Amino acid sequence: MNTYDIIVNNEVVETIEQQGRSNGAMSYIIIDRVYQLTSKYKAFVEVFNRATGCMYRV
């Protein structure tokens, strides 16, 4: 199961687990949260995939 950490200003603000959802569904959930947090904090938002170790900066 994939777990994603959403990071703003070097602080984890939310952790989302895949919990049987499809990759497509997870993409929409993550995009929605990143959009909301970018609007709220006016800062870059990073998404860290714990399974692969990849960091994505938006």
Protein backbone atom coordinates (compact mmCIF):
# COMPACT_ATOMS: atom_id res chain seq x y z
CA MET A 1 0.00 0.00 0.00
CA ASN A 2 1.31 3.44 -0.93
CA THR A 3 1.38 6.22 1.62
CA TYR A 4 1.84 9.82 0.60
CA ASP A 5 3.07 12.66 2.83
CA ILE A 6 2.06 16.17 1.85
CA ILE A 7 4.69 18.65 2.98
CA VAL A 8 4.48 22.44 3.25
CA ASN A 9 7.41 24.53 4.51
CA ASN A 10 9.37 21.35 5.42
CA GLU A 11 6.54 20.14 7.68
CA VAL A 12 4.23 17.18 7.03
CA VAL A 13 0.72 18.63 7.06
CA GLU A 14 -1.14 15.53 5.91
CA THR A 15 -0.59 11.83 5.30
CA ILE A 16 -2.80 9.96 2.83
CA GLU A 17 -2.89 6.16 2.53
CA GLN A 18 -4.00 4.51 -0.69
CA GLN A 19 -6.29 2.03 1.16
CA GLY A 20 -7.28 0.03 -1.92
CA ARG A 21 -7.99 3.05 -4.10
CA SER A 22 -6.84 2.98 -7.70
CA ASN A 23 -3.83 5.02 -8.79
CA GLY A 24 -6.15 7.25 -10.80
CA ALA A 25 -8.32 7.97 -7.77
CA MET A 26 -5.23 8.74 -5.69
CA SER A 27 -4.02 11.17 -8.34
CA TYR A 28 -7.25 13.15 -8.11
CA ILE A 29 -7.20 13.14 -4.30
CA ILE A 30 -3.59 14.33 -4.18
CA ILE A 31 -4.12 17.00 -6.85
CA ASP A 32 -7.14 18.31 -4.93
CA ARG A 33 -5.24 18.51 -1.63
CA VAL A 34 -2.18 20.12 -3.28
CA TYR A 35 -4.41 22.74 -4.93
CA GLN A 36 -6.13 23.54 -1.61
CA LEU A 37 -2.88 23.75 0.35
CA THR A 38 -1.14 25.86 -2.31
CA SER A 39 -4.01 28.34 -2.16
CA LYS A 40 -4.03 28.34 1.64
CA TYR A 41 -0.29 28.64 2.34
CA LYS A 42 0.86 30.43 -0.85
CA ALA A 43 3.93 28.18 -0.82
CA PHE A 44 5.33 25.21 -2.68
CA VAL A 45 3.76 21.90 -1.74
CA GLU A 46 5.77 18.67 -1.89
CA VAL A 47 4.37 15.17 -2.10
CA PHE A 48 6.54 12.30 -0.84
CA ASN A 49 5.72 8.72 -1.85
CA ARG A 50 6.96 6.48 0.96
CA ALA A 51 6.88 3.31 -1.18
CA THR A 52 9.18 4.64 -3.91
CA GLY A 53 11.01 7.36 -2.00
CA CYS A 54 10.18 9.92 -4.70
CA MET A 55 9.55 13.56 -3.87
CA TYR A 56 7.36 15.71 -6.12
CA ARG A 57 7.36 19.49 -5.77
CA VAL A 58 4.38 21.48 -7.01
